[in-house]
């Protein structure tokens, strides 16, 4: 929803952080854990402090990533949402990088993201970069959208 709203507002591009799931799916997540921005405490109470990268994509898809925004209202903007937008926000899921790239591709926007290295012991720690680059090459029409990756150790 936030990427679509950004397009509606006329932005030139998106900035986000990306991590990779335990089964190799790059997804959008700023925090190292899922605790602040999802209902992980309800769905996986024993994994509240587990790094986001150690969840499978199937696990991540079970989480609600929008209800916190409505209750916390971090930017003081919830009042400006229509009832339909509130309903949409209340049911948001964590987006995959593929979903963000599809929005960027469809709208011709730039994507800038920091790709976080998975923690030690992660099954994709050694090839997360290649997996992410393959996804970018598969999902971006380079004549319309641009992708910038920053903040990585390479």
Foldseek 3Di string as FASTA:
>chain_A
DVLVVVVVVPDQAEEFAWEAALVGFIFTDDDQFCQQQKVCCVVPVVCRPPGRNDHHPVSQQVIQRQLNCCVVVPPVCNVVDDPVRNVVSRRDGTGTVLVRLQSCQVSLHEYEYEYDQDDPPRPCNPPSVVSVVVSNVVRHDVVRYHYHYDDDPD
